[in-house]
Amino acid sequence: MTLRDADEGKEYIIRAIETDDEELDAFLFSLGCFSGEPITVISRRKGGCTVSIKDGRYNIDNALAEAIAVE
């Protein structure tokens, strides 16, 4: 399942980040978004969602949400 399919308010564990962009992978890693890390969808919008990773909240678009596999 990807983050785009995740339910609001439920904590998930990131299984994998599936992008072909090394810069994007490094940026997500710097935010704490990597395999094994908990992530929660706070809210959804038409173009994306707001997620909580560690102590931060971030807005991500639907394309990036599709690249984050969770369990």
PDB file of N, CA and C in Angstrom:
ATOM      1  N   MET A   1       0.849  -1.166   0.000  1.00  0.00           N
ATOM      2  CA  MET A   1       0.000   0.000   0.000  1.00  0.00           C
ATOM      3  C   MET A   1       0.901   1.238   0.000  1.00  0.00           C
ATOM      4  N   THR A   2       0.446   2.282  -0.657  1.00  0.00           N
ATOM      5  CA  THR A   2       1.210   3.525  -0.670  1.00  0.00           C
ATOM      6  C   THR A   2       0.599   4.519   0.311  1.00  0.00           C
ATOM      7  N   LEU A   3       1.326   5.569   0.570  1.00  0.00           N
ATOM      8  CA  LEU A   3       0.856   6.600   1.486  1.00  0.00           C
ATOM      9  C   LEU A   3      -0.412   7.271   0.968  1.00  0.00           C
ATOM     10  N   ARG A   4      -0.582   7.281  -0.324  1.00  0.00           N
ATOM     11  CA  ARG A   4      -1.781   7.890  -0.906  1.00  0.00           C
ATOM     12  C   ARG A   4      -3.047   7.126  -0.504  1.00  0.00           C
ATOM     13  N   ASP A   5      -2.933   5.837  -0.245  1.00  0.00           N
ATOM     14  CA  ASP A   5      -4.071   5.004   0.149  1.00  0.00           C
ATOM     15  C   ASP A   5      -4.246   4.928   1.664  1.00  0.00           C
ATOM     16  N   ALA A   6      -3.327   5.504   2.421  1.00  0.00           N
ATOM     17  CA  ALA A   6      -3.345   5.396   3.883  1.00  0.00           C
ATOM     18  C   ALA A   6      -4.504   6.202   4.480  1.00  0.00           C
ATOM     19  N   ASP A   7      -4.994   5.720   5.609  1.00  0.00           N
ATOM     20  CA  ASP A   7      -6.081   6.388   6.326  1.00  0.00           C
ATOM     21  C   ASP A   7      -5.542   7.539   7.173  1.00  0.00           C
ATOM     22  N   GLU A   8      -6.336   8.588   7.299  1.00  0.00           N
ATOM     23  CA  GLU A   8      -5.969   9.725   8.146  1.00  0.00           C
ATOM     24  C   GLU A   8      -5.919   9.291   9.603  1.00  0.00           C
ATOM     25  N   GLY A   9      -4.936   9.805  10.331  1.00  0.00           N
ATOM     26  CA  GLY A   9      -4.853   9.577  11.761  1.00  0.00           C
ATOM     27  C   GLY A   9      -4.261   8.253  12.190  1.00  0.00           C
ATOM     28  N   LYS A  10      -3.966   7.372  11.269  1.00  0.00           N
ATOM     29  CA  LYS A  10      -3.401   6.066  11.601  1.00  0.00           C
ATOM     30  C   LYS A  10      -1.900   6.074  11.340  1.00  0.00           C
ATOM     31  N   GLU A  11      -1.138   5.516  12.278  1.00  0.00           N
ATOM     32  CA  GLU A  11       0.315   5.466  12.119  1.00  0.00           C
ATOM     33  C   GLU A  11       0.709   4.248  11.287  1.00  0.00           C
ATOM     34  N   TYR A  12       1.588   4.466  10.347  1.00  0.00           N
ATOM     35  CA  TYR A  12       2.114   3.406   9.479  1.00  0.00           C
ATOM     36  C   TYR A  12       3.628   3.384   9.593  1.00  0.00           C
ATOM     37  N   ILE A  13       4.214   2.307   9.145  1.00  0.00           N
ATOM     38  CA  ILE A  13       5.672   2.191   9.074  1.00  0.00           C
ATOM     39  C   ILE A  13       6.076   2.255   7.604  1.00  0.00           C
ATOM     40  N   ILE A  14       7.046   3.093   7.303  1.00  0.00           N
ATOM     41  CA  ILE A  14       7.523   3.209   5.921  1.00  0.00           C
ATOM     42  C   ILE A  14       8.257   1.930   5.555  1.00  0.00           C
ATOM     43  N   ARG A  15       7.807   1.301   4.486  1.00  0.00           N
ATOM     44  CA  ARG A  15       8.418   0.065   4.001  1.00  0.00           C
ATOM     45  C   ARG A  15       9.518   0.368   2.984  1.00  0.00           C
ATOM     46  N   ALA A  16       9.249   1.329   2.084  1.00  0.00           N
ATOM     47  CA  ALA A  16      10.226   1.672   1.049  1.00  0.00           C
ATOM     48  C   ALA A  16       9.884   3.016   0.433  1.00  0.00           C
ATOM     49  N   ILE A  17      10.895   3.667  -0.116  1.00  0.00           N
ATOM     50  CA  ILE A  17      10.726   4.886  -0.896  1.00  0.00           C
ATOM     51  C   ILE A  17      11.108   4.507  -2.319  1.00  0.00           C
ATOM     52  N   GLU A  18      10.170   4.611  -3.236  1.00  0.00           N
ATOM     53  CA  GLU A  18      10.402   4.137  -4.598  1.00  0.00           C
ATOM     54  C   GLU A  18      10.453   5.306  -5.582  1.00  0.00           C
ATOM     55  N   THR A  19      11.611   5.977  -5.624  1.00  0.00           N
ATOM     56  CA  THR A  19      11.816   7.060  -6.588  1.00  0.00           C
ATOM     57  C   THR A  19      13.101   6.780  -7.364  1.00  0.00           C
ATOM     58  N   ASP A  20      13.208   7.417  -8.516  1.00  0.00           N
ATOM     59  CA  ASP A  20      14.427   7.295  -9.319  1.00  0.00           C
ATOM     60  C   ASP A  20      15.327   8.512  -9.158  1.00  0.00           C
ATOM     61  N   ASP A  21      14.947   9.412  -8.266  1.00  0.00           N
ATOM     62  CA  ASP A  21      15.655  10.673  -8.074  1.00  0.00           C
ATOM     63  C   ASP A  21      16.487  10.611  -6.793  1.00  0.00           C
ATOM     64  N   GLU A  22      17.808  10.569  -6.932  1.00  0.00           N
ATOM     65  CA  GLU A  22      18.694  10.464  -5.772  1.00  0.00           C
ATOM     66  C   GLU A  22      18.609  11.705  -4.884  1.00  0.00           C
ATOM     67  N   GLU A  23      18.425  12.880  -5.487  1.00  0.00           N
ATOM     68  CA  GLU A  23      18.299  14.110  -4.706  1.00  0.00           C
ATOM     69  C   GLU A  23      17.044  14.068  -3.830  1.00  0.00           C
ATOM     70  N   LEU A  24      15.957  13.590  -4.403  1.00  0.00           N
ATOM     71  CA  LEU A  24      14.711  13.470  -3.649  1.00  0.00           C
ATOM     72  C   LEU A  24      14.863  12.455  -2.525  1.00  0.00           C
ATOM     73  N   ASP A  25      15.522  11.339  -2.787  1.00  0.00           N
ATOM     74  CA  ASP A  25      15.778  10.344  -1.747  1.00  0.00           C
ATOM     75  C   ASP A  25      16.581  10.950  -0.596  1.00  0.00           C
ATOM     76  N   ALA A  26      17.619  11.722  -0.927  1.00  0.00           N
ATOM     77  CA  ALA A  26      18.452  12.350   0.098  1.00  0.00           C
ATOM     78  C   ALA A  26      17.647  13.382   0.893  1.00  0.00           C
ATOM     79  N   PHE A  27      16.784  14.142   0.211  1.00  0.00           N
ATOM     80  CA  PHE A  27      15.961  15.135   0.886  1.00  0.00           C
ATOM     81  C   PHE A  27      14.999  14.457   1.855  1.00  0.00           C
ATOM     82  N   LEU A  28      14.320  13.406   1.406  1.00  0.00           N
ATOM     83  CA  LEU A  28      13.390  12.687   2.272  1.00  0.00           C
ATOM     84  C   LEU A  28      14.113  12.071   3.468  1.00  0.00           C
ATOM     85  N   PHE A  29      15.304  11.553   3.234  1.00  0.00           N
ATOM     86  CA  PHE A  29      16.094  10.990   4.330  1.00  0.00           C
ATOM     87  C   PHE A  29      16.417  12.059   5.362  1.00  0.00           C
ATOM     88  N   SER A  30      16.737  13.273   4.900  1.00  0.00           N
ATOM     89  CA  SER A  30      17.058  14.371   5.828  1.00  0.00           C
ATOM     90  C   SER A  30      15.845  14.772   6.670  1.00  0.00           C
ATOM     91  N   LEU A  31      14.628  14.520   6.169  1.00  0.00           N
ATOM     92  CA  LEU A  31      13.410  14.810   6.927  1.00  0.00           C
ATOM     93  C   LEU A  31      13.072  13.692   7.910  1.00  0.00           C
ATOM     94  N   GLY A  32      13.751  12.558   7.776  1.00  0.00           N
ATOM     95  CA  GLY A  32      13.459  11.408   8.626  1.00  0.00           C
ATOM     96  C   GLY A  32      12.537  10.418   7.955  1.00  0.00           C
ATOM     97  N   CYS A  33      12.355  10.558   6.656  1.00  0.00           N
ATOM     98  CA  CYS A  33      11.461   9.690   5.887  1.00  0.00           C
ATOM     99  C   CYS A  33      12.299   8.590   5.236  1.00  0.00           C
ATOM    100  N   PHE A  34      12.405   7.444   5.938  1.00  0.00           N
ATOM    101  CA  PHE A  34      13.161   6.309   5.423  1.00  0.00           C
ATOM    102  C   PHE A  34      12.563   5.016   5.959  1.00  0.00           C
ATOM    103  N   SER A  35      12.968   3.895   5.413  1.00  0.00           N
ATOM    104  CA  SER A  35      12.409   2.589   5.795  1.00  0.00           C
ATOM    105  C   SER A  35      12.496   2.366   7.298  1.00  0.00           C
ATOM    106  N   GLY A  36      11.388   1.864   7.855  1.00  0.00           N
ATOM    107  CA  GLY A  36      11.345   1.559   9.273  1.00  0.00           C
ATOM    108  C   GLY A  36      10.847   2.694  10.147  1.00  0.00           C
ATOM    109  N   GLU A  37      10.704   3.872   9.591  1.00  0.00           N
ATOM    110  CA  GLU A  37      10.285   5.051  10.357  1.00  0.00           C
ATOM    111  C   GLU A  37       8.761   5.169  10.372  1.00  0.00           C
ATOM    112  N   PRO A  38       8.150   5.509  11.510  1.00  0.00           N
ATOM    113  CA  PRO A  38       6.701   5.711  11.538  1.00  0.00           C
ATOM    114  C   PRO A  38       6.293   7.002  10.831  1.00  0.00           C
ATOM    115  N   ILE A  39       5.133   6.973  10.193  1.00  0.00           N
ATOM    116  CA  ILE A  39       4.595   8.142   9.491  1.00  0.00           C
ATOM    117  C   ILE A  39       3.078   8.131   9.664  1.00  0.00           C
ATOM    118  N   THR A  40       2.494   9.311   9.813  1.00  0.00           N
ATOM    119  CA  THR A  40       1.050   9.434   9.998  1.00  0.00           C
ATOM    120  C   THR A  40       0.497  10.465   9.028  1.00  0.00           C
ATOM    121  N   VAL A  41      -0.606  10.138   8.353  1.00  0.00           N
ATOM    122  CA  VAL A  41      -1.297  11.112   7.508  1.00  0.00           C
ATOM    123  C   VAL A  41      -2.191  11.942   8.423  1.00  0.00           C
ATOM    124  N   ILE A  42      -1.923  13.244   8.484  1.00  0.00           N
ATOM    125  CA  ILE A  42      -2.688  14.149   9.349  1.00  0.00           C
ATOM    126  C   ILE A  42      -3.978  14.575   8.657  1.00  0.00           C
ATOM    127  N   SER A  43      -3.856  14.974   7.383  1.00  0.00           N
ATOM    128  CA  SER A  43      -5.039  15.397   6.627  1.00  0.00           C
ATOM    129  C   SER A  43      -4.797  15.201   5.142  1.00  0.00           C
ATOM    130  N   ARG A  44      -5.870  15.200   4.385  1.00  0.00           N
ATOM    131  CA  ARG A  44      -5.811  15.052   2.927  1.00  0.00           C
ATOM    132  C   ARG A  44      -6.372  16.293   2.259  1.00  0.00           C
ATOM    133  N   ARG A  45      -5.790  16.621   1.126  1.00  0.00           N
ATOM    134  CA  ARG A  45      -6.281  17.696   0.275  1.00  0.00           C
ATOM    135  C   ARG A  45      -6.400  17.150  -1.135  1.00  0.00           C
ATOM    136  N   LYS A  46      -6.955  17.946  -1.992  1.00  0.00           N
ATOM    137  CA  LYS A  46      -7.157  17.533  -3.384  1.00  0.00           C
ATOM    138  C   LYS A  46      -5.835  17.144  -4.058  1.00  0.00           C
ATOM    139  N   GLY A  47      -4.791  17.908  -3.836  1.00  0.00           N
ATOM    140  CA  GLY A  47      -3.527  17.664  -4.522  1.00  0.00           C
ATOM    141  C   GLY A  47      -2.499  16.893  -3.729  1.00  0.00           C
ATOM    142  N   GLY A  48      -2.806  16.529  -2.487  1.00  0.00           N
ATOM    143  CA  GLY A  48      -1.824  15.829  -1.683  1.00  0.00           C
ATOM    144  C   GLY A  48      -2.293  15.615  -0.268  1.00  0.00           C
ATOM    145  N   CYS A  49      -1.319  15.557   0.659  1.00  0.00           N
ATOM    146  CA  CYS A  49      -1.678  15.344   2.062  1.00  0.00           C
ATOM    147  C   CYS A  49      -0.617  15.953   2.968  1.00  0.00           C
ATOM    148  N   THR A  50      -0.988  16.100   4.223  1.00  0.00           N
ATOM    149  CA  THR A  50      -0.075  16.554   5.262  1.00  0.00           C
ATOM    150  C   THR A  50       0.279  15.336   6.095  1.00  0.00           C
ATOM    151  N   VAL A  51       1.585  15.124   6.300  1.00  0.00           N
ATOM    152  CA  VAL A  51       2.041  13.966   7.059  1.00  0.00           C
ATOM    153  C   VAL A  51       2.881  14.411   8.249  1.00  0.00           C
ATOM    154  N   SER A  52       2.933  13.546   9.243  1.00  0.00           N
ATOM    155  CA  SER A  52       3.771  13.773  10.416  1.00  0.00           C
ATOM    156  C   SER A  52       4.878  12.732  10.413  1.00  0.00           C
ATOM    157  N   ILE A  53       6.121  13.220  10.410  1.00  0.00           N
ATOM    158  CA  ILE A  53       7.298  12.360  10.476  1.00  0.00           C
ATOM    159  C   ILE A  53       8.142  12.890  11.626  1.00  0.00           C
ATOM    160  N   LYS A  54       8.437  12.036  12.585  1.00  0.00           N
ATOM    161  CA  LYS A  54       9.138  12.448  13.804  1.00  0.00           C
ATOM    162  C   LYS A  54       8.343  13.596  14.434  1.00  0.00           C
ATOM    163  N   ASP A  55       8.950  14.751  14.648  1.00  0.00           N
ATOM    164  CA  ASP A  55       8.251  15.880  15.267  1.00  0.00           C
ATOM    165  C   ASP A  55       7.831  16.929  14.253  1.00  0.00           C
ATOM    166  N   GLY A  56       7.959  16.641  12.958  1.00  0.00           N
ATOM    167  CA  GLY A  56       7.631  17.618  11.928  1.00  0.00           C
ATOM    168  C   GLY A  56       6.394  17.254  11.134  1.00  0.00           C
ATOM    169  N   ARG A  57       5.784  18.287  10.560  1.00  0.00           N
ATOM    170  CA  ARG A  57       4.643  18.088   9.658  1.00  0.00           C
ATOM    171  C   ARG A  57       5.038  18.631   8.295  1.00  0.00           C
ATOM    172  N   TYR A  58       4.706  17.857   7.259  1.00  0.00           N
ATOM    173  CA  TYR A  58       5.108  18.211   5.906  1.00  0.00           C
ATOM    174  C   TYR A  58       3.942  18.016   4.950  1.00  0.00           C
ATOM    175  N   ASN A  59       3.855  18.889   3.961  1.00  0.00           N
ATOM    176  CA  ASN A  59       2.868  18.742   2.890  1.00  0.00           C
ATOM    177  C   ASN A  59       3.558  18.046   1.728  1.00  0.00           C
ATOM    178  N   ILE A  60       2.944  16.979   1.243  1.00  0.00           N
ATOM    179  CA  ILE A  60       3.495  16.276   0.087  1.00  0.00           C
ATOM    180  C   ILE A  60       2.400  16.126  -0.963  1.00  0.00           C
ATOM    181  N   ASP A  61       2.820  16.118  -2.225  1.00  0.00           N
ATOM    182  CA  ASP A  61       1.827  15.976  -3.295  1.00  0.00           C
ATOM    183  C   ASP A  61       1.516  14.500  -3.528  1.00  0.00           C
ATOM    184  N   ASN A  62       0.490  14.262  -4.324  1.00  0.00           N
ATOM    185  CA  ASN A  62       0.038  12.892  -4.563  1.00  0.00           C
ATOM    186  C   ASN A  62       1.095  12.033  -5.246  1.00  0.00           C
ATOM    187  N   ALA A  63       1.904  12.610  -6.136  1.00  0.00           N
ATOM    188  CA  ALA A  63       2.938  11.840  -6.830  1.00  0.00           C
ATOM    189  C   ALA A  63       3.964  11.308  -5.825  1.00  0.00           C
ATOM    190  N   LEU A  64       4.356  12.132  -4.872  1.00  0.00           N
ATOM    191  CA  LEU A  64       5.310  11.679  -3.865  1.00  0.00           C
ATOM    192  C   LEU A  64       4.662  10.683  -2.912  1.00  0.00           C
ATOM    193  N   ALA A  65       3.405  10.901  -2.571  1.00  0.00           N
ATOM    194  CA  ALA A  65       2.676   9.962  -1.716  1.00  0.00           C
ATOM    195  C   ALA A  65       2.608   8.577  -2.357  1.00  0.00           C
ATOM    196  N   GLU A  66       2.506   8.519  -3.676  1.00  0.00           N
ATOM    197  CA  GLU A  66       2.486   7.242  -4.402  1.00  0.00           C
ATOM    198  C   GLU A  66       3.833   6.535  -4.309  1.00  0.00           C
ATOM    199  N   ALA A  67       4.922   7.287  -4.122  1.00  0.00           N
ATOM    200  CA  ALA A  67       6.267   6.710  -4.087  1.00  0.00           C
ATOM    201  C   ALA A  67       6.656   6.173  -2.717  1.00  0.00           C
ATOM    202  N   ILE A  68       5.857   6.467  -1.685  1.00  0.00           N
ATOM    203  CA  ILE A  68       6.174   6.030  -0.337  1.00  0.00           C
ATOM    204  C   ILE A  68       5.292   4.821   0.004  1.00  0.00           C
ATOM    205  N   ALA A  69       5.915   3.652   0.082  1.00  0.00           N
ATOM    206  CA  ALA A  69       5.195   2.421   0.413  1.00  0.00           C
ATOM    207  C   ALA A  69       5.178   2.240   1.928  1.00  0.00           C
ATOM    208  N   VAL A  70       3.994   1.955   2.475  1.00  0.00           N
ATOM    209  CA  VAL A  70       3.843   1.793   3.923  1.00  0.00           C
ATOM    210  C   VAL A  70       3.184   0.455   4.235  1.00  0.00           C
ATOM    211  N   GLU A  71       3.326   0.037   5.504  1.00  0.00           N
ATOM    212  CA  GLU A  71       2.674  -1.200   5.961  1.00  0.00           C
ATOM    213  C   GLU A  71       1.968  -0.951   7.267  1.00  0.00           C
TER     214      GLU A  71
END
